[in-house]
Amino acid sequence: MASTTRIRLRHERIRKRVVGTTERPRLCVHFSGQHIYAQVIDDTVGKTVAAASTVEKGVRGSQRSQANVATAEKVGSLLAERTLQKNVRQVVFDRGGFTYHGRVKALADAARSAGLEF
């Protein structure tokens, strides 16, 4: 219980400082035990510009757990491709309270190499 409270408080503390606008929406990531979710959100309107996750058939592999570094790279490049189709090049990265290492770093690097700027 204490660890989930700490995670939630860390997420809220970071979320206060990271705000997406229409020009620079927020790239938000979430990792569950089995899946990776990423979406680009315009906080001024409250709309999702683009989204990608391992729940989709194009990204899903044959393993039970999809929350690994290789799949994070796939999700990052797919999200960048969908975001660029909406004519959005610059985003603000919201790591969601997760440490910038491993899966988070892999997703961010893949999105950068696919053309997003942050």
PDB file of N, CA and C in Angstrom:
ATOM      1  N   MET A   1       0.814  -1.188   0.000  1.00  0.00           N
ATOM      2  CA  MET A   1       0.000   0.000   0.000  1.00  0.00           C
ATOM      3  C   MET A   1       0.857   1.251   0.000  1.00  0.00           C
ATOM      4  N   ALA A   2       1.915   1.259   0.787  1.00  0.00           N
ATOM      5  CA  ALA A   2       2.756   2.452   0.871  1.00  0.00           C
ATOM      6  C   ALA A   2       3.464   2.717  -0.447  1.00  0.00           C
ATOM      7  N   SER A   3       3.853   1.655  -1.145  1.00  0.00           N
ATOM      8  CA  SER A   3       4.564   1.858  -2.409  1.00  0.00           C
ATOM      9  C   SER A   3       3.629   2.419  -3.481  1.00  0.00           C
ATOM     10  N   THR A   4       2.379   1.990  -3.501  1.00  0.00           N
ATOM     11  CA  THR A   4       1.446   2.535  -4.486  1.00  0.00           C
ATOM     12  C   THR A   4       1.123   3.987  -4.183  1.00  0.00           C
ATOM     13  N   THR A   5       1.084   4.341  -2.924  1.00  0.00           N
ATOM     14  CA  THR A   5       0.857   5.739  -2.554  1.00  0.00           C
ATOM     15  C   THR A   5       2.030   6.598  -2.992  1.00  0.00           C
ATOM     16  N   ARG A   6       3.242   6.111  -2.803  1.00  0.00           N
ATOM     17  CA  ARG A   6       4.429   6.859  -3.232  1.00  0.00           C
ATOM     18  C   ARG A   6       4.440   7.035  -4.739  1.00  0.00           C
ATOM     19  N   ILE A   7       4.083   5.995  -5.481  1.00  0.00           N
ATOM     20  CA  ILE A   7       4.053   6.076  -6.942  1.00  0.00           C
ATOM     21  C   ILE A   7       3.015   7.099  -7.385  1.00  0.00           C
ATOM     22  N   ARG A   8       1.840   7.068  -6.781  1.00  0.00           N
ATOM     23  CA  ARG A   8       0.778   8.012  -7.142  1.00  0.00           C
ATOM     24  C   ARG A   8       1.188   9.444  -6.825  1.00  0.00           C
ATOM     25  N   LEU A   9       1.810   9.669  -5.670  1.00  0.00           N
ATOM     26  CA  LEU A   9       2.254  11.013  -5.299  1.00  0.00           C
ATOM     27  C   LEU A   9       3.352  11.512  -6.232  1.00  0.00           C
ATOM     28  N   ARG A  10       4.271  10.635  -6.617  1.00  0.00           N
ATOM     29  CA  ARG A  10       5.329  11.022  -7.547  1.00  0.00           C
ATOM     30  C   ARG A  10       4.737  11.418  -8.892  1.00  0.00           C
ATOM     31  N   HIS A  11       3.756  10.637  -9.359  1.00  0.00           N
ATOM     32  CA  HIS A  11       3.094  10.942 -10.625  1.00  0.00           C
ATOM     33  C   HIS A  11       2.398  12.301 -10.557  1.00  0.00           C
ATOM     34  N   GLU A  12       1.686  12.559  -9.478  1.00  0.00           N
ATOM     35  CA  GLU A  12       0.981  13.833  -9.342  1.00  0.00           C
ATOM     36  C   GLU A  12       1.948  15.009  -9.257  1.00  0.00           C
ATOM     37  N   ARG A  13       3.071  14.836  -8.576  1.00  0.00           N
ATOM     38  CA  ARG A  13       4.066  15.905  -8.443  1.00  0.00           C
ATOM     39  C   ARG A  13       4.658  16.261  -9.805  1.00  0.00           C
ATOM     40  N   ILE A  14       4.966  15.262 -10.608  1.00  0.00           N
ATOM     41  CA  ILE A  14       5.517  15.504 -11.940  1.00  0.00           C
ATOM     42  C   ILE A  14       4.454  16.085 -12.858  1.00  0.00           C
ATOM     43  N   ARG A  15       3.235  15.596 -12.719  1.00  0.00           N
ATOM     44  CA  ARG A  15       2.135  16.011 -13.597  1.00  0.00           C
ATOM     45  C   ARG A  15       1.778  17.489 -13.418  1.00  0.00           C
ATOM     46  N   LYS A  16       2.031  18.050 -12.222  1.00  0.00           N
ATOM     47  CA  LYS A  16       1.767  19.468 -11.995  1.00  0.00           C
ATOM     48  C   LYS A  16       2.656  20.346 -12.874  1.00  0.00           C
ATOM     49  N   ARG A  17       3.853  19.873 -13.164  1.00  0.00           N
ATOM     50  CA  ARG A  17       4.811  20.689 -13.904  1.00  0.00           C
ATOM     51  C   ARG A  17       4.772  20.451 -15.411  1.00  0.00           C
ATOM     52  N   VAL A  18       4.255  19.326 -15.860  1.00  0.00           N
ATOM     53  CA  VAL A  18       4.249  18.981 -17.282  1.00  0.00           C
ATOM     54  C   VAL A  18       2.849  19.211 -17.836  1.00  0.00           C
ATOM     55  N   VAL A  19       2.727  20.198 -18.723  1.00  0.00           N
ATOM     56  CA  VAL A  19       1.425  20.535 -19.303  1.00  0.00           C
ATOM     57  C   VAL A  19       1.569  20.583 -20.813  1.00  0.00           C
ATOM     58  N   GLY A  20       0.653  19.952 -21.521  1.00  0.00           N
ATOM     59  CA  GLY A  20       0.666  19.964 -22.972  1.00  0.00           C
ATOM     60  C   GLY A  20      -0.243  21.055 -23.514  1.00  0.00           C
ATOM     61  N   THR A  21       0.193  21.708 -24.577  1.00  0.00           N
ATOM     62  CA  THR A  21      -0.607  22.736 -25.227  1.00  0.00           C
ATOM     63  C   THR A  21      -0.976  22.263 -26.627  1.00  0.00           C
ATOM     64  N   THR A  22      -1.664  23.098 -27.368  1.00  0.00           N
ATOM     65  CA  THR A  22      -2.025  22.733 -28.736  1.00  0.00           C
ATOM     66  C   THR A  22      -0.779  22.658 -29.606  1.00  0.00           C
ATOM     67  N   GLU A  23       0.176  23.573 -29.394  1.00  0.00           N
ATOM     68  CA  GLU A  23       1.408  23.572 -30.184  1.00  0.00           C
ATOM     69  C   GLU A  23       2.348  22.442 -29.766  1.00  0.00           C
ATOM     70  N   ARG A  24       2.423  22.184 -28.449  1.00  0.00           N
ATOM     71  CA  ARG A  24       3.279  21.127 -27.911  1.00  0.00           C
ATOM     72  C   ARG A  24       2.475  20.240 -26.982  1.00  0.00           C
ATOM     73  N   PRO A  25       1.789  19.238 -27.526  1.00  0.00           N
ATOM     74  CA  PRO A  25       1.010  18.345 -26.656  1.00  0.00           C
ATOM     75  C   PRO A  25       1.914  17.462 -25.801  1.00  0.00           C
ATOM     76  N   ARG A  26       1.322  16.818 -24.838  1.00  0.00           N
ATOM     77  CA  ARG A  26       2.050  16.003 -23.862  1.00  0.00           C
ATOM     78  C   ARG A  26       2.083  14.549 -24.304  1.00  0.00           C
ATOM     79  N   LEU A  27       3.283  13.966 -24.374  1.00  0.00           N
ATOM     80  CA  LEU A  27       3.443  12.540 -24.664  1.00  0.00           C
ATOM     81  C   LEU A  27       3.465  11.820 -23.323  1.00  0.00           C
ATOM     82  N   CYS A  28       2.405  11.112 -23.023  1.00  0.00           N
ATOM     83  CA  CYS A  28       2.224  10.462 -21.732  1.00  0.00           C
ATOM     84  C   CYS A  28       2.430   8.956 -21.889  1.00  0.00           C
ATOM     85  N   VAL A  29       3.218   8.359 -20.993  1.00  0.00           N
ATOM     86  CA  VAL A  29       3.457   6.916 -21.053  1.00  0.00           C
ATOM     87  C   VAL A  29       2.961   6.261 -19.771  1.00  0.00           C
ATOM     88  N   HIS A  30       2.511   5.019 -19.909  1.00  0.00           N
ATOM     89  CA  HIS A  30       2.101   4.220 -18.759  1.00  0.00           C
ATOM     90  C   HIS A  30       2.521   2.777 -19.010  1.00  0.00           C
ATOM     91  N   PHE A  31       3.036   2.152 -17.969  1.00  0.00           N
ATOM     92  CA  PHE A  31       3.473   0.765 -18.054  1.00  0.00           C
ATOM     93  C   PHE A  31       2.735  -0.051 -17.003  1.00  0.00           C
ATOM     94  N   SER A  32       2.009  -1.057 -17.451  1.00  0.00           N
ATOM     95  CA  SER A  32       1.411  -1.996 -16.509  1.00  0.00           C
ATOM     96  C   SER A  32       2.314  -3.220 -16.456  1.00  0.00           C
ATOM     97  N   GLY A  33       1.896  -4.231 -15.776  1.00  0.00           N
ATOM     98  CA  GLY A  33       2.709  -5.436 -15.687  1.00  0.00           C
ATOM     99  C   GLY A  33       2.848  -6.157 -17.013  1.00  0.00           C
ATOM    100  N   GLN A  34       1.853  -6.014 -17.901  1.00  0.00           N
ATOM    101  CA  GLN A  34       1.878  -6.759 -19.150  1.00  0.00           C
ATOM    102  C   GLN A  34       1.878  -5.894 -20.397  1.00  0.00           C
ATOM    103  N   HIS A  35       1.519  -4.620 -20.296  1.00  0.00           N
ATOM    104  CA  HIS A  35       1.365  -3.800 -21.498  1.00  0.00           C
ATOM    105  C   HIS A  35       2.013  -2.431 -21.350  1.00  0.00           C
ATOM    106  N   ILE A  36       2.217  -1.781 -22.493  1.00  0.00           N
ATOM    107  CA  ILE A  36       2.763  -0.432 -22.571  1.00  0.00           C
ATOM    108  C   ILE A  36       1.744   0.428 -23.294  1.00  0.00           C
ATOM    109  N   TYR A  37       1.439   1.581 -22.727  1.00  0.00           N
ATOM    110  CA  TYR A  37       0.487   2.518 -23.317  1.00  0.00           C
ATOM    111  C   TYR A  37       1.181   3.867 -23.481  1.00  0.00           C
ATOM    112  N   ALA A  38       0.980   4.511 -24.618  1.00  0.00           N
ATOM    113  CA  ALA A  38       1.520   5.852 -24.839  1.00  0.00           C
ATOM    114  C   ALA A  38       0.504   6.649 -25.639  1.00  0.00           C
ATOM    115  N   GLN A  39       0.348   7.905 -25.272  1.00  0.00           N
ATOM    116  CA  GLN A  39      -0.577   8.757 -26.005  1.00  0.00           C
ATOM    117  C   GLN A  39      -0.088  10.199 -25.977  1.00  0.00           C
ATOM    118  N   VAL A  40      -0.470  10.943 -26.992  1.00  0.00           N
ATOM    119  CA  VAL A  40      -0.156  12.357 -27.096  1.00  0.00           C
ATOM    120  C   VAL A  40      -1.444  13.110 -26.820  1.00  0.00           C
ATOM    121  N   ILE A  41      -1.423  13.971 -25.774  1.00  0.00           N
ATOM    122  CA  ILE A  41      -2.631  14.612 -25.275  1.00  0.00           C
ATOM    123  C   ILE A  41      -2.492  16.126 -25.359  1.00  0.00           C
ATOM    124  N   ASP A  42      -3.541  16.776 -25.871  1.00  0.00           N
ATOM    125  CA  ASP A  42      -3.644  18.233 -25.840  1.00  0.00           C
ATOM    126  C   ASP A  42      -4.425  18.587 -24.579  1.00  0.00           C
ATOM    127  N   ASP A  43      -3.735  19.098 -23.552  1.00  0.00           N
ATOM    128  CA  ASP A  43      -4.374  19.351 -22.265  1.00  0.00           C
ATOM    129  C   ASP A  43      -5.293  20.564 -22.272  1.00  0.00           C
ATOM    130  N   THR A  44      -5.118  21.496 -23.208  1.00  0.00           N
ATOM    131  CA  THR A  44      -5.995  22.661 -23.231  1.00  0.00           C
ATOM    132  C   THR A  44      -7.417  22.270 -23.627  1.00  0.00           C
ATOM    133  N   VAL A  45      -7.540  21.294 -24.506  1.00  0.00           N
ATOM    134  CA  VAL A  45      -8.858  20.831 -24.954  1.00  0.00           C
ATOM    135  C   VAL A  45      -9.262  19.545 -24.232  1.00  0.00           C
ATOM    136  N   GLY A  46      -8.268  18.780 -23.779  1.00  0.00           N
ATOM    137  CA  GLY A  46      -8.545  17.508 -23.129  1.00  0.00           C
ATOM    138  C   GLY A  46      -8.761  16.387 -24.111  1.00  0.00           C
ATOM    139  N   LYS A  47      -8.143  16.463 -25.284  1.00  0.00           N
ATOM    140  CA  LYS A  47      -8.316  15.454 -26.333  1.00  0.00           C
ATOM    141  C   LYS A  47      -7.004  14.712 -26.577  1.00  0.00           C
ATOM    142  N   THR A  48      -7.131  13.451 -26.953  1.00  0.00           N
ATOM    143  CA  THR A  48      -5.980  12.653 -27.347  1.00  0.00           C
ATOM    144  C   THR A  48      -5.727  12.857 -28.825  1.00  0.00           C
ATOM    145  N   VAL A  49      -4.500  13.257 -29.170  1.00  0.00           N
ATOM    146  CA  VAL A  49      -4.134  13.496 -30.563  1.00  0.00           C
ATOM    147  C   VAL A  49      -3.808  12.172 -31.247  1.00  0.00           C
ATOM    148  N   ALA A  50      -2.994  11.337 -30.589  1.00  0.00           N
ATOM    149  CA  ALA A  50      -2.609  10.036 -31.142  1.00  0.00           C
ATOM    150  C   ALA A  50      -2.303   9.095 -29.983  1.00  0.00           C
ATOM    151  N   ALA A  51      -2.436   7.802 -30.226  1.00  0.00           N
ATOM    152  CA  ALA A  51      -2.182   6.814 -29.181  1.00  0.00           C
ATOM    153  C   ALA A  51      -1.642   5.527 -29.800  1.00  0.00           C
ATOM    154  N   ALA A  52      -0.874   4.792 -29.003  1.00  0.00           N
ATOM    155  CA  ALA A  52      -0.368   3.481 -29.407  1.00  0.00           C
ATOM    156  C   ALA A  52      -0.162   2.653 -28.141  1.00  0.00           C
ATOM    157  N   SER A  53      -0.354   1.351 -28.260  1.00  0.00           N
ATOM    158  CA  SER A  53      -0.140   0.475 -27.114  1.00  0.00           C
ATOM    159  C   SER A  53       0.140  -0.941 -27.602  1.00  0.00           C
ATOM    160  N   THR A  54       0.534  -1.778 -26.669  1.00  0.00           N
ATOM    161  CA  THR A  54       0.816  -3.174 -27.010  1.00  0.00           C
ATOM    162  C   THR A  54      -0.455  -3.995 -27.077  1.00  0.00           C
ATOM    163  N   VAL A  55      -1.598  -3.414 -26.774  1.00  0.00           N
ATOM    164  CA  VAL A  55      -2.870  -4.125 -26.880  1.00  0.00           C
ATOM    165  C   VAL A  55      -3.263  -4.276 -28.348  1.00  0.00           C
ATOM    166  N   GLU A  56      -2.758  -3.388 -29.207  1.00  0.00           N
ATOM    167  CA  GLU A  56      -3.071  -3.437 -30.637  1.00  0.00           C
ATOM    168  C   GLU A  56      -2.431  -4.661 -31.284  1.00  0.00           C
ATOM    169  N   LYS A  57      -3.093  -5.194 -32.290  1.00  0.00           N
ATOM    170  CA  LYS A  57      -2.608  -6.413 -32.935  1.00  0.00           C
ATOM    171  C   LYS A  57      -1.309  -6.203 -33.699  1.00  0.00           C
ATOM    172  N   GLY A  58      -1.091  -5.023 -34.261  1.00  0.00           N
ATOM    173  CA  GLY A  58       0.117  -4.769 -35.027  1.00  0.00           C
ATOM    174  C   GLY A  58       1.376  -4.729 -34.183  1.00  0.00           C
ATOM    175  N   VAL A  59       1.239  -4.439 -32.907  1.00  0.00           N
ATOM    176  CA  VAL A  59       2.389  -4.316 -32.017  1.00  0.00           C
ATOM    177  C   VAL A  59       2.575  -5.571 -31.195  1.00  0.00           C
ATOM    178  N   ARG A  60       1.494  -6.242 -30.899  1.00  0.00           N
ATOM    179  CA  ARG A  60       1.523  -7.394 -30.008  1.00  0.00           C
ATOM    180  C   ARG A  60       2.383  -8.520 -30.568  1.00  0.00           C
ATOM    181  N   GLY A  61       3.157  -9.136 -29.710  1.00  0.00           N
ATOM    182  CA  GLY A  61       3.993 -10.264 -30.089  1.00  0.00           C
ATOM    183  C   GLY A  61       3.383 -11.571 -29.615  1.00  0.00           C
ATOM    184  N   SER A  62       4.209 -12.589 -29.540  1.00  0.00           N
ATOM    185  CA  SER A  62       3.713 -13.906 -29.143  1.00  0.00           C
ATOM    186  C   SER A  62       3.908 -14.184 -27.655  1.00  0.00           C
ATOM    187  N   GLN A  63       4.622 -13.301 -26.958  1.00  0.00           N
ATOM    188  CA  GLN A  63       4.872 -13.522 -25.541  1.00  0.00           C
ATOM    189  C   GLN A  63       3.660 -13.111 -24.720  1.00  0.00           C
ATOM    190  N   ARG A  64       3.571 -13.612 -23.502  1.00  0.00           N
ATOM    191  CA  ARG A  64       2.455 -13.248 -22.626  1.00  0.00           C
ATOM    192  C   ARG A  64       2.581 -11.806 -22.162  1.00  0.00           C
ATOM    193  N   SER A  65       3.768 -11.435 -21.692  1.00  0.00           N
ATOM    194  CA  SER A  65       3.997 -10.066 -21.239  1.00  0.00           C
ATOM    195  C   SER A  65       4.604  -9.257 -22.375  1.00  0.00           C
ATOM    196  N   GLN A  66       3.996  -8.137 -22.681  1.00  0.00           N
ATOM    197  CA  GLN A  66       4.468  -7.279 -23.772  1.00  0.00           C
ATOM    198  C   GLN A  66       5.254  -6.078 -23.251  1.00  0.00           C
ATOM    199  N   ALA A  67       5.466  -5.982 -21.960  1.00  0.00           N
ATOM    200  CA  ALA A  67       6.103  -4.808 -21.359  1.00  0.00           C
ATOM    201  C   ALA A  67       7.607  -4.993 -21.289  1.00  0.00           C
ATOM    202  N   ASN A  68       8.275  -5.005 -22.458  1.00  0.00           N
ATOM    203  CA  ASN A  68       9.722  -5.116 -22.479  1.00  0.00           C
ATOM    204  C   ASN A  68      10.318  -4.005 -23.346  1.00  0.00           C
ATOM    205  N   VAL A  69      11.631  -3.924 -23.414  1.00  0.00           N
ATOM    206  CA  VAL A  69      12.319  -2.824 -24.103  1.00  0.00           C
ATOM    207  C   VAL A  69      12.064  -2.878 -25.610  1.00  0.00           C
ATOM    208  N   ALA A  70      12.097  -4.054 -26.196  1.00  0.00           N
ATOM    209  CA  ALA A  70      11.903  -4.166 -27.645  1.00  0.00           C
ATOM    210  C   ALA A  70      10.504  -3.702 -28.054  1.00  0.00           C
ATOM    211  N   THR A  71       9.515  -4.058 -27.283  1.00  0.00           N
ATOM    212  CA  THR A  71       8.153  -3.635 -27.591  1.00  0.00           C
ATOM    213  C   THR A  71       7.964  -2.148 -27.325  1.00  0.00           C
ATOM    214  N   ALA A  72       8.660  -1.612 -26.334  1.00  0.00           N
ATOM    215  CA  ALA A  72       8.591  -0.170 -26.059  1.00  0.00           C
ATOM    216  C   ALA A  72       9.110   0.625 -27.254  1.00  0.00           C
ATOM    217  N   GLU A  73      10.138   0.112 -27.917  1.00  0.00           N
ATOM    218  CA  GLU A  73      10.646   0.772 -29.119  1.00  0.00           C
ATOM    219  C   GLU A  73       9.601   0.761 -30.235  1.00  0.00           C
ATOM    220  N   LYS A  74       8.901  -0.358 -30.395  1.00  0.00           N
ATOM    221  CA  LYS A  74       7.845  -0.438 -31.413  1.00  0.00           C
ATOM    222  C   LYS A  74       6.728   0.558 -31.130  1.00  0.00           C
ATOM    223  N   VAL A  75       6.318   0.637 -29.882  1.00  0.00           N
ATOM    224  CA  VAL A  75       5.242   1.561 -29.499  1.00  0.00           C
ATOM    225  C   VAL A  75       5.682   3.005 -29.725  1.00  0.00           C
ATOM    226  N   GLY A  76       6.926   3.324 -29.377  1.00  0.00           N
ATOM    227  CA  GLY A  76       7.426   4.685 -29.566  1.00  0.00           C
ATOM    228  C   GLY A  76       7.474   5.100 -31.019  1.00  0.00           C
ATOM    229  N   SER A  77       7.939   4.225 -31.889  1.00  0.00           N
ATOM    230  CA  SER A  77       8.004   4.573 -33.310  1.00  0.00           C
ATOM    231  C   SER A  77       6.610   4.641 -33.937  1.00  0.00           C
ATOM    232  N   LEU A  78       5.700   3.758 -33.517  1.00  0.00           N
ATOM    233  CA  LEU A  78       4.328   3.793 -34.032  1.00  0.00           C
ATOM    234  C   LEU A  78       3.613   5.067 -33.581  1.00  0.00           C
ATOM    235  N   LEU A  79       3.810   5.454 -32.337  1.00  0.00           N
ATOM    236  CA  LEU A  79       3.191   6.683 -31.833  1.00  0.00           C
ATOM    237  C   LEU A  79       3.749   7.908 -32.556  1.00  0.00           C
ATOM    238  N   ALA A  80       5.037   7.934 -32.800  1.00  0.00           N
ATOM    239  CA  ALA A  80       5.628   9.059 -33.514  1.00  0.00           C
ATOM    240  C   ALA A  80       5.087   9.153 -34.933  1.00  0.00           C
ATOM    241  N   GLU A  81       4.936   8.022 -35.580  1.00  0.00           N
ATOM    242  CA  GLU A  81       4.388   8.002 -36.940  1.00  0.00           C
ATOM    243  C   GLU A  81       2.956   8.557 -36.960  1.00  0.00           C
ATOM    244  N   ARG A  82       2.131   8.135 -36.013  1.00  0.00           N
ATOM    245  CA  ARG A  82       0.745   8.611 -35.950  1.00  0.00           C
ATOM    246  C   ARG A  82       0.673  10.095 -35.578  1.00  0.00           C
ATOM    247  N   THR A  83       1.581  10.538 -34.724  1.00  0.00           N
ATOM    248  CA  THR A  83       1.594  11.943 -34.320  1.00  0.00           C
ATOM    249  C   THR A  83       2.030  12.834 -35.476  1.00  0.00           C
ATOM    250  N   LEU A  84       3.007  12.398 -36.231  1.00  0.00           N
ATOM    251  CA  LEU A  84       3.475  13.179 -37.374  1.00  0.00           C
ATOM    252  C   LEU A  84       2.404  13.268 -38.456  1.00  0.00           C
ATOM    253  N   GLN A  85       1.554  12.260 -38.575  1.00  0.00           N
ATOM    254  CA  GLN A  85       0.449  12.319 -39.530  1.00  0.00           C
ATOM    255  C   GLN A  85      -0.566  13.400 -39.153  1.00  0.00           C
ATOM    256  N   LYS A  86      -0.631  13.745 -37.870  1.00  0.00           N
ATOM    257  CA  LYS A  86      -1.529  14.801 -37.393  1.00  0.00           C
ATOM    258  C   LYS A  86      -0.848  16.174 -37.421  1.00  0.00           C
ATOM    259  N   ASN A  87       0.310  16.268 -38.068  1.00  0.00           N
ATOM    260  CA  ASN A  87       1.090  17.509 -38.203  1.00  0.00           C
ATOM    261  C   ASN A  87       1.542  18.076 -36.865  1.00  0.00           C
ATOM    262  N   VAL A  88       1.942  17.199 -35.953  1.00  0.00           N
ATOM    263  CA  VAL A  88       2.517  17.609 -34.673  1.00  0.00           C
ATOM    264  C   VAL A  88       3.941  17.087 -34.627  1.00  0.00           C
ATOM    265  N   ARG A  89       4.917  18.003 -34.508  1.00  0.00           N
ATOM    266  CA  ARG A  89       6.317  17.600 -34.485  1.00  0.00           C
ATOM    267  C   ARG A  89       6.930  17.702 -33.091  1.00  0.00           C
ATOM    268  N   GLN A  90       6.479  18.658 -32.295  1.00  0.00           N
ATOM    269  CA  GLN A  90       7.065  18.880 -30.976  1.00  0.00           C
ATOM    270  C   GLN A  90       6.096  18.442 -29.884  1.00  0.00           C
ATOM    271  N   VAL A  91       6.621  17.742 -28.882  1.00  0.00           N
ATOM    272  CA  VAL A  91       5.815  17.288 -27.756  1.00  0.00           C
ATOM    273  C   VAL A  91       6.579  17.541 -26.461  1.00  0.00           C
ATOM    274  N   VAL A  92       5.861  17.474 -25.351  1.00  0.00           N
ATOM    275  CA  VAL A  92       6.450  17.531 -24.018  1.00  0.00           C
ATOM    276  C   VAL A  92       6.374  16.114 -23.464  1.00  0.00           C
ATOM    277  N   PHE A  93       7.490  15.579 -22.976  1.00  0.00           N
ATOM    278  CA  PHE A  93       7.530  14.191 -22.527  1.00  0.00           C
ATOM    279  C   PHE A  93       7.117  14.086 -21.066  1.00  0.00           C
ATOM    280  N   ASP A  94       6.094  13.283 -20.784  1.00  0.00           N
ATOM    281  CA  ASP A  94       5.619  13.017 -19.431  1.00  0.00           C
ATOM    282  C   ASP A  94       5.905  11.556 -19.133  1.00  0.00           C
ATOM    283  N   ARG A  95       6.918  11.314 -18.314  1.00  0.00           N
ATOM    284  CA  ARG A  95       7.321   9.935 -18.025  1.00  0.00           C
ATOM    285  C   ARG A  95       6.420   9.263 -17.009  1.00  0.00           C
ATOM    286  N   GLY A  96       5.459   9.996 -16.479  1.00  0.00           N
ATOM    287  CA  GLY A  96       4.445   9.412 -15.616  1.00  0.00           C
ATOM    288  C   GLY A  96       4.945   8.906 -14.283  1.00  0.00           C
ATOM    289  N   GLY A  97       6.008   9.471 -13.768  1.00  0.00           N
ATOM    290  CA  GLY A  97       6.537   9.026 -12.488  1.00  0.00           C
ATOM    291  C   GLY A  97       7.483   7.856 -12.591  1.00  0.00           C
ATOM    292  N   PHE A  98       7.666   7.311 -13.786  1.00  0.00           N
ATOM    293  CA  PHE A  98       8.595   6.204 -13.975  1.00  0.00           C
ATOM    294  C   PHE A  98      10.007   6.751 -14.168  1.00  0.00           C
ATOM    295  N   THR A  99      11.004   5.997 -13.765  1.00  0.00           N
ATOM    296  CA  THR A  99      12.389   6.403 -13.932  1.00  0.00           C
ATOM    297  C   THR A  99      12.753   6.401 -15.410  1.00  0.00           C
ATOM    298  N   TYR A 100      13.515   7.427 -15.846  1.00  0.00           N
ATOM    299  CA  TYR A 100      13.908   7.524 -17.249  1.00  0.00           C
ATOM    300  C   TYR A 100      15.050   6.537 -17.503  1.00  0.00           C
ATOM    301  N   HIS A 101      14.684   5.276 -17.653  1.00  0.00           N
ATOM    302  CA  HIS A 101      15.653   4.198 -17.837  1.00  0.00           C
ATOM    303  C   HIS A 101      14.909   3.007 -18.399  1.00  0.00           C
ATOM    304  N   GLY A 102      15.581   2.189 -19.182  1.00  0.00           N
ATOM    305  CA  GLY A 102      14.975   0.958 -19.668  1.00  0.00           C
ATOM    306  C   GLY A 102      13.859   1.194 -20.665  1.00  0.00           C
ATOM    307  N   ARG A 103      12.646   0.781 -20.315  1.00  0.00           N
ATOM    308  CA  ARG A 103      11.509   0.875 -21.234  1.00  0.00           C
ATOM    309  C   ARG A 103      11.137   2.316 -21.558  1.00  0.00           C
ATOM    310  N   VAL A 104      11.189   3.191 -20.561  1.00  0.00           N
ATOM    311  CA  VAL A 104      10.844   4.600 -20.780  1.00  0.00           C
ATOM    312  C   VAL A 104      11.842   5.231 -21.742  1.00  0.00           C
ATOM    313  N   LYS A 105      13.115   4.971 -21.525  1.00  0.00           N
ATOM    314  CA  LYS A 105      14.161   5.523 -22.390  1.00  0.00           C
ATOM    315  C   LYS A 105      14.061   4.947 -23.801  1.00  0.00           C
ATOM    316  N   ALA A 106      13.766   3.657 -23.917  1.00  0.00           N
ATOM    317  CA  ALA A 106      13.640   3.024 -25.237  1.00  0.00           C
ATOM    318  C   ALA A 106      12.486   3.619 -26.024  1.00  0.00           C
ATOM    319  N   LEU A 107      11.356   3.841 -25.365  1.00  0.00           N
ATOM    320  CA  LEU A 107      10.201   4.439 -26.028  1.00  0.00           C
ATOM    321  C   LEU A 107      10.515   5.869 -26.467  1.00  0.00           C
ATOM    322  N   ALA A 108      11.152   6.641 -25.596  1.00  0.00           N
ATOM    323  CA  ALA A 108      11.483   8.029 -25.922  1.00  0.00           C
ATOM    324  C   ALA A 108      12.493   8.106 -27.065  1.00  0.00           C
ATOM    325  N   ASP A 109      13.515   7.272 -27.039  1.00  0.00           N
ATOM    326  CA  ASP A 109      14.524   7.290 -28.104  1.00  0.00           C
ATOM    327  C   ASP A 109      13.933   6.872 -29.445  1.00  0.00           C
ATOM    328  N   ALA A 110      13.038   5.899 -29.444  1.00  0.00           N
ATOM    329  CA  ALA A 110      12.394   5.465 -30.686  1.00  0.00           C
ATOM    330  C   ALA A 110      11.508   6.568 -31.251  1.00  0.00           C
ATOM    331  N   ALA A 111      10.804   7.281 -30.386  1.00  0.00           N
ATOM    332  CA  ALA A 111       9.956   8.388 -30.840  1.00  0.00           C
ATOM    333  C   ALA A 111      10.810   9.519 -31.406  1.00  0.00           C
ATOM    334  N   ARG A 112      11.943   9.794 -30.762  1.00  0.00           N
ATOM    335  CA  ARG A 112      12.860  10.829 -31.265  1.00  0.00           C
ATOM    336  C   ARG A 112      13.436  10.448 -32.622  1.00  0.00           C
ATOM    337  N   SER A 113      13.865   9.213 -32.751  1.00  0.00           N
ATOM    338  CA  SER A 113      14.476   8.793 -34.015  1.00  0.00           C
ATOM    339  C   SER A 113      13.452   8.732 -35.148  1.00  0.00           C
ATOM    340  N   ALA A 114      12.163   8.591 -34.806  1.00  0.00           N
ATOM    341  CA  ALA A 114      11.113   8.579 -35.829  1.00  0.00           C
ATOM    342  C   ALA A 114      10.690   9.983 -36.237  1.00  0.00           C
ATOM    343  N   GLY A 115      11.179  11.013 -35.531  1.00  0.00           N
ATOM    344  CA  GLY A 115      10.915  12.377 -35.973  1.00  0.00           C
ATOM    345  C   GLY A 115      10.297  13.319 -34.968  1.00  0.00           C
ATOM    346  N   LEU A 116       9.900  12.836 -33.794  1.00  0.00           N
ATOM    347  CA  LEU A 116       9.340  13.746 -32.796  1.00  0.00           C
ATOM    348  C   LEU A 116      10.461  14.525 -32.110  1.00  0.00           C
ATOM    349  N   GLU A 117      10.153  15.750 -31.708  1.00  0.00           N
ATOM    350  CA  GLU A 117      11.137  16.591 -31.025  1.00  0.00           C
ATOM    351  C   GLU A 117      10.666  16.860 -29.610  1.00  0.00           C
ATOM    352  N   PHE A 118      11.525  16.520 -28.621  1.00  0.00           N
ATOM    353  CA  PHE A 118      11.275  16.867 -27.217  1.00  0.00           C
ATOM    354  C   PHE A 118      12.559  16.796 -26.450  1.00  0.00           C
TER     355      PHE A 118
END
